[in-house]
Amino acid sequence: MKALFGVSLAAALAGACLTANAAPITSAATSVRGFYMQHGGWEAPPEELDEVARHGYHDGVEGARKDYGNHRRPDVNNRDEFRHPPVPGRDREAYRRGFERGYHAGVEHLYHDHM
């Protein structure tokens, strides 16, 4: 349901921008923050990730939130979930790849956008 709403909202916004002779909304996709704001908010996992990587992405965002809330220096390598993924061995790399992307998106939003 959220994905359908996000797609509908993005299409409506794109149509409104084109109708108003404004710059196309896709120009914001050149930045990481712009991409995620268009596709369901900054914490939404990218659509191209598989299920395991999306799980990792979500956990990475939560890891960044925990580090921010505890006033820790942001470092993905300090997260136990990144070093020791809670998934079977065959899924470890996909989870870690997603976790790292989610963690970096969280750090960008929490540490840099709130200043």
N, C-alpha and C. Protein backbone atom coordinates (compact mmCIF):
# COMPACT_ATOMS: atom_id res chain seq x y z
N MET A 1 0.82 -1.19 0.00
CA MET A 1 0.00 0.00 0.00
C MET A 1 0.86 1.25 0.00
N LYS A 2 1.92 1.27 0.85
CA LYS A 2 2.81 2.42 0.90
C LYS A 2 3.49 2.64 -0.44
N ALA A 3 3.93 1.54 -1.06
CA ALA A 3 4.61 1.66 -2.35
C ALA A 3 3.67 2.23 -3.40
N LEU A 4 2.42 1.79 -3.41
CA LEU A 4 1.45 2.30 -4.36
C LEU A 4 1.20 3.77 -4.12
N PHE A 5 1.08 4.17 -2.87
CA PHE A 5 0.87 5.58 -2.54
C PHE A 5 2.08 6.40 -2.98
N GLY A 6 3.30 5.89 -2.71
CA GLY A 6 4.51 6.61 -3.09
C GLY A 6 4.62 6.80 -4.58
N VAL A 7 4.28 5.75 -5.35
CA VAL A 7 4.33 5.84 -6.80
C VAL A 7 3.29 6.84 -7.29
N SER A 8 2.10 6.78 -6.73
CA SER A 8 1.03 7.70 -7.13
C SER A 8 1.41 9.13 -6.80
N LEU A 9 1.98 9.34 -5.62
CA LEU A 9 2.39 10.68 -5.21
C LEU A 9 3.49 11.21 -6.11
N ALA A 10 4.47 10.36 -6.42
CA ALA A 10 5.57 10.79 -7.29
C ALA A 10 5.05 11.15 -8.67
N ALA A 11 4.13 10.35 -9.20
CA ALA A 11 3.57 10.64 -10.52
C ALA A 11 2.78 11.95 -10.50
N ALA A 12 2.02 12.17 -9.44
CA ALA A 12 1.24 13.41 -9.33
C ALA A 12 2.16 14.62 -9.23
N LEU A 13 3.22 14.51 -8.44
CA LEU A 13 4.15 15.63 -8.31
C LEU A 13 4.88 15.90 -9.62
N ALA A 14 5.30 14.86 -10.30
CA ALA A 14 5.98 15.03 -11.58
C ALA A 14 5.05 15.71 -12.58
N GLY A 15 3.80 15.28 -12.61
CA GLY A 15 2.83 15.90 -13.52
C GLY A 15 2.60 17.35 -13.18
N ALA A 16 2.53 17.67 -11.89
CA ALA A 16 2.33 19.05 -11.46
C ALA A 16 3.52 19.92 -11.85
N CYS A 17 4.72 19.38 -11.71
CA CYS A 17 5.92 20.14 -12.08
C CYS A 17 5.96 20.41 -13.57
N LEU A 18 5.64 19.41 -14.36
CA LEU A 18 5.67 19.58 -15.81
C LEU A 18 4.57 20.52 -16.28
N THR A 19 3.41 20.46 -15.63
CA THR A 19 2.30 21.32 -15.99
C THR A 19 2.62 22.78 -15.69
N ALA A 20 3.32 23.00 -14.59
CA ALA A 20 3.63 24.36 -14.16
C ALA A 20 4.90 24.90 -14.84
N ASN A 21 5.43 24.17 -15.82
CA ASN A 21 6.66 24.54 -16.50
C ASN A 21 7.83 24.69 -15.54
N ALA A 22 7.80 23.93 -14.47
CA ALA A 22 8.89 23.94 -13.51
C ALA A 22 9.91 22.89 -13.93
N ALA A 23 11.05 22.88 -13.25
CA ALA A 23 12.06 21.87 -13.53
C ALA A 23 11.49 20.51 -13.19
N PRO A 24 11.78 19.49 -13.97
CA PRO A 24 11.27 18.15 -13.67
C PRO A 24 11.73 17.68 -12.30
N ILE A 25 10.87 16.94 -11.62
CA ILE A 25 11.19 16.47 -10.28
C ILE A 25 12.39 15.53 -10.27
N THR A 26 12.68 14.89 -11.40
CA THR A 26 13.80 13.96 -11.45
C THR A 26 15.14 14.66 -11.27
N SER A 27 15.21 15.97 -11.42
CA SER A 27 16.48 16.65 -11.22
C SER A 27 16.95 16.54 -9.78
N ALA A 28 16.04 16.35 -8.83
CA ALA A 28 16.42 16.19 -7.43
C ALA A 28 17.08 14.85 -7.17
N ALA A 29 16.92 13.89 -8.09
CA ALA A 29 17.47 12.56 -7.89
C ALA A 29 18.99 12.53 -7.99
N THR A 30 19.62 13.64 -8.33
CA THR A 30 21.07 13.66 -8.42
C THR A 30 21.72 13.59 -7.05
N SER A 31 20.99 13.89 -6.00
CA SER A 31 21.54 13.75 -4.65
C SER A 31 20.87 12.57 -3.97
N VAL A 32 21.58 11.96 -3.05
CA VAL A 32 21.02 10.82 -2.31
C VAL A 32 19.76 11.25 -1.58
N ARG A 33 19.81 12.36 -0.90
CA ARG A 33 18.66 12.83 -0.14
C ARG A 33 17.48 13.08 -1.06
N GLY A 34 17.70 13.70 -2.21
CA GLY A 34 16.63 13.96 -3.15
C GLY A 34 15.99 12.68 -3.65
N PHE A 35 16.81 11.67 -3.91
CA PHE A 35 16.30 10.39 -4.38
C PHE A 35 15.35 9.78 -3.35
N TYR A 36 15.77 9.73 -2.10
CA TYR A 36 14.94 9.08 -1.09
C TYR A 36 13.72 9.90 -0.73
N MET A 37 13.81 11.21 -0.83
CA MET A 37 12.63 12.04 -0.56
C MET A 37 11.56 11.78 -1.62
N GLN A 38 11.97 11.49 -2.85
CA GLN A 38 11.01 11.21 -3.91
C GLN A 38 10.41 9.82 -3.79
N HIS A 39 11.11 8.91 -3.19
CA HIS A 39 10.71 7.51 -3.19
C HIS A 39 10.34 7.00 -1.81
N GLY A 40 9.51 7.72 -1.08
CA GLY A 40 8.99 7.20 0.16
C GLY A 40 9.69 7.69 1.40
N GLY A 41 10.45 8.73 1.34
CA GLY A 41 11.15 9.25 2.51
C GLY A 41 12.58 8.76 2.55
N TRP A 42 13.38 9.42 3.34
CA TRP A 42 14.81 9.11 3.38
C TRP A 42 15.08 7.72 3.92
N GLU A 43 14.20 7.19 4.74
CA GLU A 43 14.47 5.88 5.35
C GLU A 43 13.97 4.70 4.51
N ALA A 44 13.33 4.97 3.39
CA ALA A 44 12.81 3.89 2.54
C ALA A 44 13.95 3.22 1.77
N PRO A 45 14.01 1.89 1.81
CA PRO A 45 15.07 1.21 1.06
C PRO A 45 14.88 1.37 -0.45
N PRO A 46 15.96 1.48 -1.19
CA PRO A 46 15.84 1.57 -2.64
C PRO A 46 15.16 0.34 -3.23
N GLU A 47 14.37 0.54 -4.24
CA GLU A 47 13.59 -0.54 -4.84
C GLU A 47 14.46 -1.63 -5.46
N GLU A 48 15.67 -1.30 -5.89
CA GLU A 48 16.49 -2.30 -6.57
C GLU A 48 17.09 -3.33 -5.62
N LEU A 49 17.00 -3.11 -4.31
CA LEU A 49 17.55 -4.07 -3.35
C LEU A 49 16.65 -5.29 -3.22
N ASP A 50 17.27 -6.46 -3.04
CA ASP A 50 16.48 -7.66 -2.80
C ASP A 50 16.01 -7.68 -1.34
N GLU A 51 15.24 -8.69 -0.97
CA GLU A 51 14.63 -8.74 0.35
C GLU A 51 15.66 -8.71 1.48
N VAL A 52 16.74 -9.45 1.35
CA VAL A 52 17.77 -9.50 2.40
C VAL A 52 18.45 -8.14 2.52
N ALA A 53 18.79 -7.53 1.40
CA ALA A 53 19.45 -6.22 1.43
C ALA A 53 18.50 -5.15 1.98
N ARG A 54 17.20 -5.27 1.68
CA ARG A 54 16.22 -4.31 2.24
C ARG A 54 16.15 -4.45 3.76
N HIS A 55 16.21 -5.68 4.25
CA HIS A 55 16.24 -5.92 5.69
C HIS A 55 17.49 -5.25 6.29
N GLY A 56 18.63 -5.46 5.64
CA GLY A 56 19.86 -4.83 6.08
C GLY A 56 19.77 -3.32 6.06
N TYR A 57 19.16 -2.78 5.02
CA TYR A 57 19.00 -1.32 4.90
C TYR A 57 18.21 -0.78 6.08
N HIS A 58 17.08 -1.42 6.36
CA HIS A 58 16.25 -0.99 7.50
C HIS A 58 17.05 -1.03 8.80
N ASP A 59 17.79 -2.13 9.02
CA ASP A 59 18.59 -2.26 10.23
C ASP A 59 19.70 -1.21 10.27
N GLY A 60 20.25 -0.86 9.10
CA GLY A 60 21.27 0.17 9.04
C GLY A 60 20.74 1.54 9.44
N VAL A 61 19.53 1.87 8.98
CA VAL A 61 18.89 3.13 9.37
C VAL A 61 18.69 3.14 10.89
N GLU A 62 18.21 2.01 11.43
CA GLU A 62 18.00 1.93 12.88
C GLU A 62 19.33 2.03 13.64
N GLY A 63 20.39 1.45 13.10
CA GLY A 63 21.70 1.55 13.72
C GLY A 63 22.19 2.99 13.76
N ALA A 64 21.97 3.73 12.68
CA ALA A 64 22.35 5.15 12.65
C ALA A 64 21.52 5.93 13.67
N ARG A 65 20.24 5.60 13.79
CA ARG A 65 19.40 6.28 14.79
C ARG A 65 19.91 6.02 16.21
N LYS A 66 20.30 4.78 16.47
CA LYS A 66 20.83 4.45 17.80
C LYS A 66 22.12 5.21 18.08
N ASP A 67 23.02 5.24 17.10
CA ASP A 67 24.28 5.97 17.29
C ASP A 67 24.03 7.45 17.50
N TYR A 68 23.13 8.03 16.73
CA TYR A 68 22.80 9.44 16.87
C TYR A 68 22.17 9.70 18.24
N GLY A 69 21.23 8.86 18.64
CA GLY A 69 20.56 9.04 19.93
C GLY A 69 21.49 8.88 21.11
N ASN A 70 22.55 8.08 20.96
CA ASN A 70 23.52 7.87 22.04
C ASN A 70 24.76 8.75 21.88
N HIS A 71 24.70 9.72 20.98
CA HIS A 71 25.78 10.69 20.76
C HIS A 71 27.10 10.01 20.42
N ARG A 72 27.02 8.95 19.62
CA ARG A 72 28.22 8.24 19.18
C ARG A 72 28.70 8.80 17.85
N ARG A 73 29.98 8.69 17.63
CA ARG A 73 30.56 9.05 16.34
C ARG A 73 30.05 8.04 15.32
N PRO A 74 29.56 8.50 14.17
CA PRO A 74 29.02 7.56 13.19
C PRO A 74 30.12 6.73 12.52
N ASP A 75 30.01 5.42 12.64
CA ASP A 75 30.96 4.50 12.02
C ASP A 75 30.27 3.15 11.85
N VAL A 76 29.95 2.79 10.62
CA VAL A 76 29.24 1.55 10.36
C VAL A 76 30.00 0.34 10.91
N ASN A 77 31.32 0.41 10.93
CA ASN A 77 32.13 -0.71 11.43
C ASN A 77 32.00 -0.92 12.94
N ASN A 78 31.44 0.03 13.65
CA ASN A 78 31.21 -0.12 15.09
C ASN A 78 29.87 -0.78 15.41
N ARG A 79 29.08 -1.07 14.41
CA ARG A 79 27.78 -1.70 14.63
C ARG A 79 27.93 -3.22 14.60
N ASP A 80 27.49 -3.87 15.67
CA ASP A 80 27.54 -5.34 15.73
C ASP A 80 26.77 -5.99 14.60
N GLU A 81 25.63 -5.39 14.24
CA GLU A 81 24.80 -5.97 13.19
C GLU A 81 25.53 -5.98 11.85
N PHE A 82 26.40 -5.00 11.63
CA PHE A 82 27.18 -4.95 10.39
C PHE A 82 28.31 -5.98 10.43
N ARG A 83 29.00 -6.04 11.55
CA ARG A 83 30.14 -6.97 11.67
C ARG A 83 29.68 -8.42 11.73
N HIS A 84 28.54 -8.66 12.37
CA HIS A 84 28.02 -10.03 12.56
C HIS A 84 26.54 -10.06 12.14
N PRO A 85 26.27 -10.09 10.84
CA PRO A 85 24.88 -10.03 10.36
C PRO A 85 24.02 -11.17 10.91
N PRO A 86 22.78 -10.85 11.30
CA PRO A 86 21.87 -11.85 11.87
C PRO A 86 21.13 -12.65 10.79
N VAL A 87 21.85 -13.10 9.78
CA VAL A 87 21.26 -13.84 8.67
C VAL A 87 22.15 -15.04 8.35
N PRO A 88 21.62 -16.03 7.63
CA PRO A 88 22.45 -17.18 7.23
C PRO A 88 23.66 -16.74 6.40
N GLY A 89 24.70 -17.53 6.42
CA GLY A 89 25.95 -17.23 5.74
C GLY A 89 25.81 -16.80 4.29
N ARG A 90 24.91 -17.44 3.55
CA ARG A 90 24.75 -17.11 2.12
C ARG A 90 24.18 -15.71 1.91
N ASP A 91 23.54 -15.14 2.94
CA ASP A 91 22.91 -13.83 2.82
C ASP A 91 23.73 -12.70 3.45
N ARG A 92 24.87 -13.05 4.04
CA ARG A 92 25.66 -12.06 4.79
C ARG A 92 26.06 -10.85 3.96
N GLU A 93 26.57 -11.06 2.77
CA GLU A 93 27.06 -9.94 1.96
C GLU A 93 25.92 -9.03 1.50
N ALA A 94 24.79 -9.61 1.11
CA ALA A 94 23.64 -8.80 0.70
C ALA A 94 23.13 -7.97 1.88
N TYR A 95 23.06 -8.59 3.06
CA TYR A 95 22.61 -7.88 4.26
C TYR A 95 23.57 -6.74 4.58
N ARG A 96 24.88 -7.03 4.57
CA ARG A 96 25.88 -6.00 4.89
C ARG A 96 25.85 -4.86 3.87
N ARG A 97 25.67 -5.17 2.61
CA ARG A 97 25.59 -4.14 1.57
C ARG A 97 24.38 -3.23 1.83
N GLY A 98 23.23 -3.83 2.13
CA GLY A 98 22.04 -3.05 2.45
C GLY A 98 22.20 -2.27 3.74
N PHE A 99 22.79 -2.91 4.76
CA PHE A 99 22.99 -2.25 6.04
C PHE A 99 23.85 -1.00 5.86
N GLU A 100 24.93 -1.14 5.12
CA GLU A 100 25.84 -0.01 4.93
C GLU A 100 25.13 1.15 4.22
N ARG A 101 24.34 0.85 3.20
CA ARG A 101 23.60 1.90 2.50
C ARG A 101 22.59 2.59 3.42
N GLY A 102 21.87 1.78 4.21
CA GLY A 102 20.90 2.36 5.14
C GLY A 102 21.56 3.17 6.23
N TYR A 103 22.69 2.68 6.72
CA TYR A 103 23.41 3.39 7.77
C TYR A 103 23.88 4.75 7.24
N HIS A 104 24.44 4.76 6.04
CA HIS A 104 24.94 6.02 5.48
C HIS A 104 23.79 6.99 5.17
N ALA A 105 22.65 6.48 4.73
CA ALA A 105 21.48 7.35 4.51
C ALA A 105 21.03 7.94 5.84
N GLY A 106 21.03 7.12 6.91
CA GLY A 106 20.65 7.61 8.23
C GLY A 106 21.62 8.65 8.76
N VAL A 107 22.91 8.40 8.59
CA VAL A 107 23.92 9.36 9.04
C VAL A 107 23.75 10.68 8.29
N GLU A 108 23.57 10.59 6.98
CA GLU A 108 23.39 11.82 6.18
C GLU A 108 22.20 12.62 6.69
N HIS A 109 21.09 11.95 6.94
CA HIS A 109 19.89 12.63 7.39
C HIS A 109 20.02 13.13 8.84
N LEU A 110 20.43 12.26 9.73
CA LEU A 110 20.44 12.60 11.15
C LEU A 110 21.57 13.54 11.56
N TYR A 111 22.76 13.27 11.08
CA TYR A 111 23.92 14.04 11.50
C TYR A 111 24.10 15.32 10.69
N HIS A 112 23.76 15.28 9.40
CA HIS A 112 24.06 16.43 8.54
C HIS A 112 22.85 17.32 8.28
N ASP A 113 21.67 16.74 8.15
CA ASP A 113 20.48 17.55 7.86
C ASP A 113 19.93 18.25 9.09
N HIS A 114 20.29 17.80 10.28
CA HIS A 114 19.77 18.40 11.51
C HIS A 114 20.66 19.51 12.06
N MET A 115 21.70 19.85 11.34
CA MET A 115 22.62 20.88 11.85
C MET A 115 22.22 22.25 11.40
